[in-house]
Amino acid sequence: DRWSVIGDSITHHGSYYAWVYLYELTRFPQQELVVENC
């Protein structure tokens, strides 16, 4: 999957999506996920 995180400054300068991404990386390391801050 390619996850595009669309939003305003709360996304631009935020970290909620990064903490979710960290969970996905550490909990499902065999899966490949690309994340794009939009």
PDB file of all heavy atoms in Angstrom:
ATOM      1  N   ASP A   1       0.822  -1.204   0.000  1.00  0.00           N
ATOM      2  CA  ASP A   1       0.000   0.000   0.000  1.00  0.00           C
ATOM      3  C   ASP A   1       0.858   1.257   0.000  1.00  0.00           C
ATOM      4  O   ASP A   1       1.986   1.284   0.516  1.00  0.00           O
ATOM      5  CB  ASP A   1      -0.906   0.030   1.244  1.00  0.00           C
ATOM      6  CG  ASP A   1      -2.281  -0.555   0.982  1.00  0.00           C
ATOM      7  OD1 ASP A   1      -2.677  -0.641  -0.192  1.00  0.00           O
ATOM      8  OD2 ASP A   1      -2.971  -0.931   1.954  1.00  0.00           O
ATOM      9  N   ARG A   2       0.260   2.317  -0.572  1.00  0.00           N
ATOM     10  CA  ARG A   2       0.834   3.662  -0.532  1.00  0.00           C
ATOM     11  C   ARG A   2      -0.190   4.548   0.170  1.00  0.00           C
ATOM     12  O   ARG A   2      -1.274   4.778  -0.367  1.00  0.00           O
ATOM     13  CB  ARG A   2       1.133   4.177  -1.943  1.00  0.00           C
ATOM     14  CG  ARG A   2       2.099   3.282  -2.715  1.00  0.00           C
ATOM     15  CD  ARG A   2       2.379   3.859  -4.112  1.00  0.00           C
ATOM     16  NE  ARG A   2       2.978   5.171  -4.026  1.00  0.00           N
ATOM     17  CZ  ARG A   2       4.290   5.390  -3.896  1.00  0.00           C
ATOM     18  NH1 ARG A   2       5.128   4.358  -3.845  1.00  0.00           N
ATOM     19  NH2 ARG A   2       4.765   6.617  -3.817  1.00  0.00           N
ATOM     20  N   TRP A   3       0.191   5.025   1.367  1.00  0.00           N
ATOM     21  CA  TRP A   3      -0.728   5.790   2.211  1.00  0.00           C
ATOM     22  C   TRP A   3      -0.407   7.281   2.078  1.00  0.00           C
ATOM     23  O   TRP A   3       0.666   7.726   2.468  1.00  0.00           O
ATOM     24  CB  TRP A   3      -0.597   5.329   3.654  1.00  0.00           C
ATOM     25  CG  TRP A   3      -1.367   6.137   4.659  1.00  0.00           C
ATOM     26  CD1 TRP A   3      -2.460   6.918   4.429  1.00  0.00           C
ATOM     27  CD2 TRP A   3      -1.091   6.234   6.069  1.00  0.00           C
ATOM     28  NE1 TRP A   3      -2.893   7.505   5.603  1.00  0.00           N
ATOM     29  CE2 TRP A   3      -2.082   7.099   6.618  1.00  0.00           C
ATOM     30  CE3 TRP A   3      -0.126   5.663   6.892  1.00  0.00           C
ATOM     31  CZ2 TRP A   3      -2.092   7.409   7.986  1.00  0.00           C
ATOM     32  CZ3 TRP A   3      -0.151   5.969   8.251  1.00  0.00           C
ATOM     33  CH2 TRP A   3      -1.115   6.830   8.784  1.00  0.00           C
ATOM     34  N   SER A   4      -1.349   8.042   1.530  1.00  0.00           N
ATOM     35  CA  SER A   4      -1.212   9.493   1.427  1.00  0.00           C
ATOM     36  C   SER A   4      -2.032  10.143   2.535  1.00  0.00           C
ATOM     37  O   SER A   4      -3.240   9.917   2.633  1.00  0.00           O
ATOM     38  CB  SER A   4      -1.681   9.985   0.056  1.00  0.00           C
ATOM     39  OG  SER A   4      -0.844   9.459  -0.959  1.00  0.00           O
ATOM     40  N   VAL A   5      -1.360  10.964   3.347  1.00  0.00           N
ATOM     41  CA  VAL A   5      -1.960  11.539   4.546  1.00  0.00           C
ATOM     42  C   VAL A   5      -2.290  13.000   4.230  1.00  0.00           C
ATOM     43  O   VAL A   5      -1.413  13.858   4.222  1.00  0.00           O
ATOM     44  CB  VAL A   5      -1.001  11.446   5.745  1.00  0.00           C
ATOM     45  CG1 VAL A   5      -1.738  11.755   7.043  1.00  0.00           C
ATOM     46  CG2 VAL A   5      -0.357  10.060   5.821  1.00  0.00           C
ATOM     47  N   ILE A   6      -3.554  13.263   3.957  1.00  0.00           N
ATOM     48  CA  ILE A   6      -3.983  14.575   3.455  1.00  0.00           C
ATOM     49  C   ILE A   6      -4.486  15.427   4.618  1.00  0.00           C
ATOM     50  O   ILE A   6      -5.275  14.958   5.438  1.00  0.00           O
ATOM     51  CB  ILE A   6      -5.083  14.405   2.396  1.00  0.00           C
ATOM     52  CG1 ILE A   6      -4.560  13.566   1.220  1.00  0.00           C
ATOM     53  CG2 ILE A   6      -5.592  15.750   1.909  1.00  0.00           C
ATOM     54  CD1 ILE A   6      -5.638  13.116   0.257  1.00  0.00           C
ATOM     55  N   GLY A   7      -4.030  16.688   4.662  1.00  0.00           N
ATOM     56  CA  GLY A   7      -4.483  17.550   5.735  1.00  0.00           C
ATOM     57  C   GLY A   7      -3.873  18.933   5.676  1.00  0.00           C
ATOM     58  O   GLY A   7      -3.302  19.346   4.658  1.00  0.00           O
ATOM     59  N   ASP A   8      -3.973  19.632   6.797  1.00  0.00           N
ATOM     60  CA  ASP A   8      -3.460  20.990   6.929  1.00  0.00           C
ATOM     61  C   ASP A   8      -2.207  20.963   7.798  1.00  0.00           C
ATOM     62  O   ASP A   8      -1.455  19.989   7.765  1.00  0.00           O
ATOM     63  CB  ASP A   8      -4.556  21.905   7.491  1.00  0.00           C
ATOM     64  CG  ASP A   8      -5.247  21.305   8.714  1.00  0.00           C
ATOM     65  OD1 ASP A   8      -4.569  20.636   9.524  1.00  0.00           O
ATOM     66  OD2 ASP A   8      -6.476  21.484   8.858  1.00  0.00           O
ATOM     67  N   SER A   9      -1.973  22.007   8.596  1.00  0.00           N
ATOM     68  CA  SER A   9      -0.750  22.061   9.407  1.00  0.00           C
ATOM     69  C   SER A   9      -0.701  20.962  10.454  1.00  0.00           C
ATOM     70  O   SER A   9       0.384  20.537  10.870  1.00  0.00           O
ATOM     71  CB  SER A   9      -0.631  23.419  10.093  1.00  0.00           C
ATOM     72  OG  SER A   9      -1.753  23.679  10.928  1.00  0.00           O
ATOM     73  N   ILE A  10      -1.854  20.486  10.905  1.00  0.00           N
ATOM     74  CA  ILE A  10      -1.878  19.428  11.918  1.00  0.00           C
ATOM     75  C   ILE A  10      -1.312  18.136  11.338  1.00  0.00           C
ATOM     76  O   ILE A  10      -0.777  17.290  12.058  1.00  0.00           O
ATOM     77  CB  ILE A  10      -3.309  19.244  12.467  1.00  0.00           C
ATOM     78  CG1 ILE A  10      -3.763  20.547  13.134  1.00  0.00           C
ATOM     79  CG2 ILE A  10      -3.385  18.098  13.462  1.00  0.00           C
ATOM     80  CD1 ILE A  10      -5.240  20.589  13.492  1.00  0.00           C
ATOM     81  N   THR A  11      -1.392  18.005  10.030  1.00  0.00           N
ATOM     82  CA  THR A  11      -0.731  16.891   9.340  1.00  0.00           C
ATOM     83  C   THR A  11       0.676  17.278   8.899  1.00  0.00           C
ATOM     84  O   THR A  11       1.635  16.536   9.134  1.00  0.00           O
ATOM     85  CB  THR A  11      -1.569  16.455   8.128  1.00  0.00           C
ATOM     86  OG1 THR A  11      -2.838  15.971   8.567  1.00  0.00           O
ATOM     87  CG2 THR A  11      -0.858  15.364   7.335  1.00  0.00           C
ATOM     88  N   HIS A  12       0.806  18.447   8.267  1.00  0.00           N
ATOM     89  CA  HIS A  12       2.104  18.903   7.766  1.00  0.00           C
ATOM     90  C   HIS A  12       3.167  18.834   8.859  1.00  0.00           C
ATOM     91  O   HIS A  12       4.240  18.242   8.669  1.00  0.00           O
ATOM     92  CB  HIS A  12       1.942  20.335   7.249  1.00  0.00           C
ATOM     93  CG  HIS A  12       3.199  20.957   6.727  1.00  0.00           C
ATOM     94  ND1 HIS A  12       3.185  22.074   5.920  1.00  0.00           N
ATOM     95  CD2 HIS A  12       4.512  20.667   6.889  1.00  0.00           C
ATOM     96  CE1 HIS A  12       4.420  22.425   5.611  1.00  0.00           C
ATOM     97  NE2 HIS A  12       5.241  21.586   6.194  1.00  0.00           N
ATOM     98  N   HIS A  13       2.897  19.446  10.014  1.00  0.00           N
ATOM     99  CA  HIS A  13       3.868  19.507  11.104  1.00  0.00           C
ATOM    100  C   HIS A  13       3.550  18.515  12.222  1.00  0.00           C
ATOM    101  O   HIS A  13       4.179  18.569  13.275  1.00  0.00           O
ATOM    102  CB  HIS A  13       3.910  20.923  11.682  1.00  0.00           C
ATOM    103  CG  HIS A  13       4.491  21.933  10.739  1.00  0.00           C
ATOM    104  ND1 HIS A  13       5.841  22.126  10.592  1.00  0.00           N
ATOM    105  CD2 HIS A  13       3.895  22.795   9.877  1.00  0.00           C
ATOM    106  CE1 HIS A  13       6.068  23.070   9.689  1.00  0.00           C
ATOM    107  NE2 HIS A  13       4.895  23.484   9.223  1.00  0.00           N
ATOM    108  N   GLY A  14       2.591  17.630  11.987  1.00  0.00           N
ATOM    109  CA  GLY A  14       2.158  16.720  13.035  1.00  0.00           C
ATOM    110  C   GLY A  14       2.892  15.399  13.031  1.00  0.00           C
ATOM    111  O   GLY A  14       3.786  15.144  12.212  1.00  0.00           O
ATOM    112  N   SER A  15       2.498  14.535  13.957  1.00  0.00           N
ATOM    113  CA  SER A  15       3.174  13.242  14.087  1.00  0.00           C
ATOM    114  C   SER A  15       2.220  12.068  14.243  1.00  0.00           C
ATOM    115  O   SER A  15       2.677  10.926  14.354  1.00  0.00           O
ATOM    116  CB  SER A  15       4.140  13.272  15.282  1.00  0.00           C
ATOM    117  OG  SER A  15       3.472  13.668  16.464  1.00  0.00           O
ATOM    118  N   TYR A  16       0.890  12.303  14.222  1.00  0.00           N
ATOM    119  CA  TYR A  16      -0.024  11.175  14.420  1.00  0.00           C
ATOM    120  C   TYR A  16       0.205  10.089  13.380  1.00  0.00           C
ATOM    121  O   TYR A  16       0.199   8.887  13.691  1.00  0.00           O
ATOM    122  CB  TYR A  16      -1.483  11.655  14.403  1.00  0.00           C
ATOM    123  CG  TYR A  16      -1.994  12.130  13.065  1.00  0.00           C
ATOM    124  CD1 TYR A  16      -2.649  11.263  12.194  1.00  0.00           C
ATOM    125  CD2 TYR A  16      -1.835  13.459  12.669  1.00  0.00           C
ATOM    126  CE1 TYR A  16      -3.118  11.703  10.963  1.00  0.00           C
ATOM    127  CE2 TYR A  16      -2.308  13.907  11.444  1.00  0.00           C
ATOM    128  CZ  TYR A  16      -2.936  13.031  10.592  1.00  0.00           C
ATOM    129  OH  TYR A  16      -3.391  13.464   9.369  1.00  0.00           O
ATOM    130  N   TYR A  17       0.397  10.487  12.133  1.00  0.00           N
ATOM    131  CA  TYR A  17       0.594   9.504  11.074  1.00  0.00           C
ATOM    132  C   TYR A  17       1.917   8.774  11.237  1.00  0.00           C
ATOM    133  O   TYR A  17       2.043   7.582  10.914  1.00  0.00           O
ATOM    134  CB  TYR A  17       0.531  10.192   9.697  1.00  0.00           C
ATOM    135  CG  TYR A  17       1.726  11.067   9.398  1.00  0.00           C
ATOM    136  CD1 TYR A  17       2.804  10.588   8.677  1.00  0.00           C
ATOM    137  CD2 TYR A  17       1.793  12.377   9.872  1.00  0.00           C
ATOM    138  CE1 TYR A  17       3.918  11.374   8.421  1.00  0.00           C
ATOM    139  CE2 TYR A  17       2.891  13.173   9.625  1.00  0.00           C
ATOM    140  CZ  TYR A  17       3.946  12.669   8.906  1.00  0.00           C
ATOM    141  OH  TYR A  17       5.053  13.453   8.665  1.00  0.00           O
ATOM    142  N   ALA A  18       2.947   9.468  11.754  1.00  0.00           N
ATOM    143  CA  ALA A  18       4.252   8.833  11.965  1.00  0.00           C
ATOM    144  C   ALA A  18       4.176   7.786  13.068  1.00  0.00           C
ATOM    145  O   ALA A  18       4.802   6.727  12.972  1.00  0.00           O
ATOM    146  CB  ALA A  18       5.300   9.887  12.310  1.00  0.00           C
ATOM    147  N   TRP A  19       3.392   8.073  14.120  1.00  0.00           N
ATOM    148  CA  TRP A  19       3.261   7.074  15.199  1.00  0.00           C
ATOM    149  C   TRP A  19       2.479   5.857  14.714  1.00  0.00           C
ATOM    150  O   TRP A  19       2.755   4.726  15.141  1.00  0.00           O
ATOM    151  CB  TRP A  19       2.594   7.694  16.412  1.00  0.00           C
ATOM    152  CG  TRP A  19       3.251   8.920  16.987  1.00  0.00           C
ATOM    153  CD1 TRP A  19       2.621   9.962  17.593  1.00  0.00           C
ATOM    154  CD2 TRP A  19       4.663   9.248  17.028  1.00  0.00           C
ATOM    155  NE1 TRP A  19       3.535  10.913  17.992  1.00  0.00           N
ATOM    156  CE2 TRP A  19       4.790  10.493  17.664  1.00  0.00           C
ATOM    157  CE3 TRP A  19       5.813   8.603  16.586  1.00  0.00           C
ATOM    158  CZ2 TRP A  19       6.028  11.115  17.865  1.00  0.00           C
ATOM    159  CZ3 TRP A  19       7.056   9.213  16.775  1.00  0.00           C
ATOM    160  CH2 TRP A  19       7.148  10.437  17.404  1.00  0.00           C
ATOM    161  N   VAL A  20       1.490   6.069  13.836  1.00  0.00           N
ATOM    162  CA  VAL A  20       0.792   4.919  13.228  1.00  0.00           C
ATOM    163  C   VAL A  20       1.759   4.136  12.347  1.00  0.00           C
ATOM    164  O   VAL A  20       1.804   2.894  12.389  1.00  0.00           O
ATOM    165  CB  VAL A  20      -0.432   5.389  12.414  1.00  0.00           C
ATOM    166  CG1 VAL A  20      -1.025   4.221  11.614  1.00  0.00           C
ATOM    167  CG2 VAL A  20      -1.488   5.994  13.330  1.00  0.00           C
ATOM    168  N   TYR A  21       2.535   4.842  11.555  1.00  0.00           N
ATOM    169  CA  TYR A  21       3.514   4.204  10.664  1.00  0.00           C
ATOM    170  C   TYR A  21       4.518   3.397  11.483  1.00  0.00           C
ATOM    171  O   TYR A  21       4.896   2.267  11.105  1.00  0.00           O
ATOM    172  CB  TYR A  21       4.211   5.289   9.849  1.00  0.00           C
ATOM    173  CG  TYR A  21       5.147   4.817   8.760  1.00  0.00           C
ATOM    174  CD1 TYR A  21       5.054   3.551   8.184  1.00  0.00           C
ATOM    175  CD2 TYR A  21       6.132   5.679   8.270  1.00  0.00           C
ATOM    176  CE1 TYR A  21       5.912   3.146   7.180  1.00  0.00           C
ATOM    177  CE2 TYR A  21       6.994   5.286   7.264  1.00  0.00           C
ATOM    178  CZ  TYR A  21       6.890   4.019   6.723  1.00  0.00           C
ATOM    179  OH  TYR A  21       7.747   3.626   5.728  1.00  0.00           O
ATOM    180  N   LEU A  22       4.952   3.929  12.619  1.00  0.00           N
ATOM    181  CA  LEU A  22       5.889   3.213  13.483  1.00  0.00           C
ATOM    182  C   LEU A  22       5.277   1.907  13.978  1.00  0.00           C
ATOM    183  O   LEU A  22       5.965   0.870  14.052  1.00  0.00           O
ATOM    184  CB  LEU A  22       6.281   4.108  14.664  1.00  0.00           C
ATOM    185  CG  LEU A  22       7.318   3.562  15.641  1.00  0.00           C
ATOM    186  CD1 LEU A  22       8.656   3.298  14.956  1.00  0.00           C
ATOM    187  CD2 LEU A  22       7.500   4.530  16.814  1.00  0.00           C
ATOM    188  N   TYR A  23       4.001   1.938  14.307  1.00  0.00           N
ATOM    189  CA  TYR A  23       3.311   0.708  14.710  1.00  0.00           C
ATOM    190  C   TYR A  23       3.299  -0.295  13.562  1.00  0.00           C
ATOM    191  O   TYR A  23       3.586  -1.489  13.757  1.00  0.00           O
ATOM    192  CB  TYR A  23       1.885   1.022  15.155  1.00  0.00           C
ATOM    193  CG  TYR A  23       1.070  -0.203  15.517  1.00  0.00           C
ATOM    194  CD1 TYR A  23       1.003  -0.652  16.834  1.00  0.00           C
ATOM    195  CD2 TYR A  23       0.370  -0.915  14.546  1.00  0.00           C
ATOM    196  CE1 TYR A  23       0.268  -1.783  17.167  1.00  0.00           C
ATOM    197  CE2 TYR A  23      -0.369  -2.038  14.862  1.00  0.00           C
ATOM    198  CZ  TYR A  23      -0.415  -2.479  16.174  1.00  0.00           C
ATOM    199  OH  TYR A  23      -1.142  -3.608  16.489  1.00  0.00           O
ATOM    200  N   GLU A  24       2.944   0.149  12.371  1.00  0.00           N
ATOM    201  CA  GLU A  24       2.880  -0.760  11.232  1.00  0.00           C
ATOM    202  C   GLU A  24       4.244  -1.382  10.946  1.00  0.00           C
ATOM    203  O   GLU A  24       4.345  -2.572  10.638  1.00  0.00           O
ATOM    204  CB  GLU A  24       2.371  -0.015   9.993  1.00  0.00           C
ATOM    205  CG  GLU A  24       0.964   0.539  10.118  1.00  0.00           C
ATOM    206  CD  GLU A  24      -0.100  -0.533  10.258  1.00  0.00           C
ATOM    207  OE1 GLU A  24       0.089  -1.624   9.697  1.00  0.00           O
ATOM    208  OE2 GLU A  24      -1.126  -0.264  10.909  1.00  0.00           O
ATOM    209  N   LEU A  25       5.298  -0.591  11.053  1.00  0.00           N
ATOM    210  CA  LEU A  25       6.647  -1.107  10.799  1.00  0.00           C
ATOM    211  C   LEU A  25       7.056  -2.147  11.824  1.00  0.00           C
ATOM    212  O   LEU A  25       7.611  -3.198  11.470  1.00  0.00           O
ATOM    213  CB  LEU A  25       7.656   0.046  10.815  1.00  0.00           C
ATOM    214  CG  LEU A  25       7.735   0.929   9.572  1.00  0.00           C
ATOM    215  CD1 LEU A  25       8.500   2.203   9.875  1.00  0.00           C
ATOM    216  CD2 LEU A  25       8.414   0.178   8.425  1.00  0.00           C
ATOM    217  N   THR A  26       6.819  -1.853  13.091  1.00  0.00           N
ATOM    218  CA  THR A  26       7.294  -2.754  14.139  1.00  0.00           C
ATOM    219  C   THR A  26       6.370  -3.955  14.340  1.00  0.00           C
ATOM    220  O   THR A  26       6.844  -5.026  14.700  1.00  0.00           O
ATOM    221  CB  THR A  26       7.453  -2.000  15.471  1.00  0.00           C
ATOM    222  OG1 THR A  26       6.233  -1.307  15.793  1.00  0.00           O
ATOM    223  CG2 THR A  26       8.594  -1.000  15.391  1.00  0.00           C
ATOM    224  N   ARG A  27       5.084  -3.798  14.074  1.00  0.00           N
ATOM    225  CA  ARG A  27       4.151  -4.908  14.318  1.00  0.00           C
ATOM    226  C   ARG A  27       4.002  -5.825  13.108  1.00  0.00           C
ATOM    227  O   ARG A  27       3.772  -7.024  13.260  1.00  0.00           O
ATOM    228  CB  ARG A  27       2.777  -4.345  14.708  1.00  0.00           C
ATOM    229  CG  ARG A  27       1.814  -5.405  15.290  1.00  0.00           C
ATOM    230  CD  ARG A  27       2.381  -6.075  16.546  1.00  0.00           C
ATOM    231  NE  ARG A  27       2.804  -5.097  17.512  1.00  0.00           N
ATOM    232  CZ  ARG A  27       2.037  -4.561  18.447  1.00  0.00           C
ATOM    233  NH1 ARG A  27       0.774  -4.927  18.540  1.00  0.00           N
ATOM    234  NH2 ARG A  27       2.543  -3.679  19.295  1.00  0.00           N
ATOM    235  N   PHE A  28       4.131  -5.264  11.917  1.00  0.00           N
ATOM    236  CA  PHE A  28       3.996  -6.049  10.690  1.00  0.00           C
ATOM    237  C   PHE A  28       5.207  -5.823   9.794  1.00  0.00           C
ATOM    238  O   PHE A  28       5.092  -5.272   8.685  1.00  0.00           O
ATOM    239  CB  PHE A  28       2.703  -5.683   9.957  1.00  0.00           C
ATOM    240  CG  PHE A  28       1.468  -5.818  10.806  1.00  0.00           C
ATOM    241  CD1 PHE A  28       0.787  -4.697  11.248  1.00  0.00           C
ATOM    242  CD2 PHE A  28       1.011  -7.072  11.175  1.00  0.00           C
ATOM    243  CE1 PHE A  28      -0.342  -4.812  12.036  1.00  0.00           C
ATOM    244  CE2 PHE A  28      -0.121  -7.208  11.965  1.00  0.00           C
ATOM    245  CZ  PHE A  28      -0.798  -6.076  12.406  1.00  0.00           C
ATOM    246  N   PRO A  29       6.391  -6.228  10.249  1.00  0.00           N
ATOM    247  CA  PRO A  29       7.620  -5.902   9.515  1.00  0.00           C
ATOM    248  C   PRO A  29       7.727  -6.575   8.149  1.00  0.00           C
ATOM    249  O   PRO A  29       8.526  -6.127   7.313  1.00  0.00           O
ATOM    250  CB  PRO A  29       8.728  -6.381  10.456  1.00  0.00           C
ATOM    251  CG  PRO A  29       8.076  -7.408  11.333  1.00  0.00           C
ATOM    252  CD  PRO A  29       6.667  -6.959  11.500  1.00  0.00           C
ATOM    253  N   GLN A  30       6.944  -7.623   7.913  1.00  0.00           N
ATOM    254  CA  GLN A  30       7.011  -8.280   6.606  1.00  0.00           C
ATOM    255  C   GLN A  30       6.243  -7.487   5.542  1.00  0.00           C
ATOM    256  O   GLN A  30       6.487  -7.652   4.345  1.00  0.00           O
ATOM    257  CB  GLN A  30       6.434  -9.707   6.690  1.00  0.00           C
ATOM    258  CG  GLN A  30       7.272 -10.665   7.528  1.00  0.00           C
ATOM    259  CD  GLN A  30       7.106 -10.436   9.018  1.00  0.00           C
ATOM    260  OE1 GLN A  30       6.032 -10.033   9.465  1.00  0.00           O
ATOM    261  NE2 GLN A  30       8.151 -10.704   9.791  1.00  0.00           N
ATOM    262  N   GLN A  31       5.310  -6.642   5.966  1.00  0.00           N
ATOM    263  CA  GLN A  31       4.544  -5.850   5.012  1.00  0.00           C
ATOM    264  C   GLN A  31       5.336  -4.616   4.597  1.00  0.00           C
ATOM    265  O   GLN A  31       6.081  -4.056   5.389  1.00  0.00           O
ATOM    266  CB  GLN A  31       3.210  -5.416   5.625  1.00  0.00           C
ATOM    267  CG  GLN A  31       2.243  -6.551   5.866  1.00  0.00           C
ATOM    268  CD  GLN A  31       0.873  -6.053   6.292  1.00  0.00           C
ATOM    269  OE1 GLN A  31       0.648  -4.855   6.405  1.00  0.00           O
ATOM    270  NE2 GLN A  31      -0.041  -6.978   6.521  1.00  0.00           N
ATOM    271  N   GLU A  32       5.145  -4.219   3.372  1.00  0.00           N
ATOM    272  CA  GLU A  32       5.782  -2.999   2.891  1.00  0.00           C
ATOM    273  C   GLU A  32       4.713  -1.926   2.723  1.00  0.00           C
ATOM    274  O   GLU A  32       3.720  -2.127   2.037  1.00  0.00           O
ATOM    275  CB  GLU A  32       6.514  -3.259   1.571  1.00  0.00           C
ATOM    276  CG  GLU A  32       7.699  -4.210   1.727  1.00  0.00           C
ATOM    277  CD  GLU A  32       8.597  -4.228   0.503  1.00  0.00           C
ATOM    278  OE1 GLU A  32       8.456  -3.310  -0.331  1.00  0.00           O
ATOM    279  OE2 GLU A  32       9.408  -5.154   0.384  1.00  0.00           O
ATOM    280  N   LEU A  33       4.943  -0.808   3.383  1.00  0.00           N
ATOM    281  CA  LEU A  33       4.007   0.317   3.344  1.00  0.00           C
ATOM    282  C   LEU A  33       4.795   1.583   3.075  1.00  0.00           C
ATOM    283  O   LEU A  33       5.775   1.874   3.755  1.00  0.00           O
ATOM    284  CB  LEU A  33       3.276   0.428   4.690  1.00  0.00           C
ATOM    285  CG  LEU A  33       2.369   1.648   4.892  1.00  0.00           C
ATOM    286  CD1 LEU A  33       1.174   1.609   3.934  1.00  0.00           C
ATOM    287  CD2 LEU A  33       1.880   1.722   6.341  1.00  0.00           C
ATOM    288  N   VAL A  34       4.373   2.343   2.066  1.00  0.00           N
ATOM    289  CA  VAL A  34       4.988   3.632   1.755  1.00  0.00           C
ATOM    290  C   VAL A  34       4.041   4.721   2.240  1.00  0.00           C
ATOM    291  O   VAL A  34       2.831   4.669   1.985  1.00  0.00           O
ATOM    292  CB  VAL A  34       5.247   3.782   0.240  1.00  0.00           C
ATOM    293  CG1 VAL A  34       5.726   5.197  -0.087  1.00  0.00           C
ATOM    294  CG2 VAL A  34       6.268   2.747  -0.216  1.00  0.00           C
ATOM    295  N   VAL A  35       4.579   5.704   2.958  1.00  0.00           N
ATOM    296  CA  VAL A  35       3.761   6.776   3.526  1.00  0.00           C
ATOM    297  C   VAL A  35       4.185   8.106   2.930  1.00  0.00           C
ATOM    298  O   VAL A  35       5.381   8.400   2.835  1.00  0.00           O
ATOM    299  CB  VAL A  35       3.885   6.807   5.060  1.00  0.00           C
ATOM    300  CG1 VAL A  35       3.046   7.944   5.642  1.00  0.00           C
ATOM    301  CG2 VAL A  35       3.455   5.474   5.665  1.00  0.00           C
ATOM    302  N   GLU A  36       3.205   8.905   2.528  1.00  0.00           N
ATOM    303  CA  GLU A  36       3.452  10.226   1.956  1.00  0.00           C
ATOM    304  C   GLU A  36       2.665  11.277   2.732  1.00  0.00           C
ATOM    305  O   GLU A  36       1.432  11.209   2.807  1.00  0.00           O
ATOM    306  CB  GLU A  36       3.029  10.275   0.481  1.00  0.00           C
ATOM    307  CG  GLU A  36       3.792   9.338  -0.425  1.00  0.00           C
ATOM    308  CD  GLU A  36       5.165   9.872  -0.815  1.00  0.00           C
ATOM    309  OE1 GLU A  36       5.497  11.017  -0.417  1.00  0.00           O
ATOM    310  OE2 GLU A  36       5.888   9.142  -1.523  1.00  0.00           O
ATOM    311  N   ASN A  37       3.367  12.228   3.327  1.00  0.00           N
ATOM    312  CA  ASN A  37       2.706  13.353   3.982  1.00  0.00           C
ATOM    313  C   ASN A  37       2.207  14.306   2.901  1.00  0.00           C
ATOM    314  O   ASN A  37       2.994  14.831   2.111  1.00  0.00           O
ATOM    315  CB  ASN A  37       3.696  14.057   4.915  1.00  0.00           C
ATOM    316  CG  ASN A  37       3.054  15.188   5.713  1.00  0.00           C
ATOM    317  OD1 ASN A  37       2.183  15.899   5.235  1.00  0.00           O
ATOM    318  ND2 ASN A  37       3.504  15.364   6.941  1.00  0.00           N
ATOM    319  N   CYS A  38       0.898  14.533   2.867  1.00  0.00           N
ATOM    320  CA  CYS A  38       0.304  15.459   1.897  1.00  0.00           C
ATOM    321  C   CYS A  38      -0.415  16.595   2.627  1.00  0.00           C
ATOM    322  O   CYS A  38      -1.454  17.098   2.165  1.00  0.00           O
ATOM    323  CB  CYS A  38      -0.664  14.727   0.971  1.00  0.00           C
ATOM    324  SG  CYS A  38       0.129  13.552  -0.147  1.00  0.00           S
TER     325      CYS A  38
END
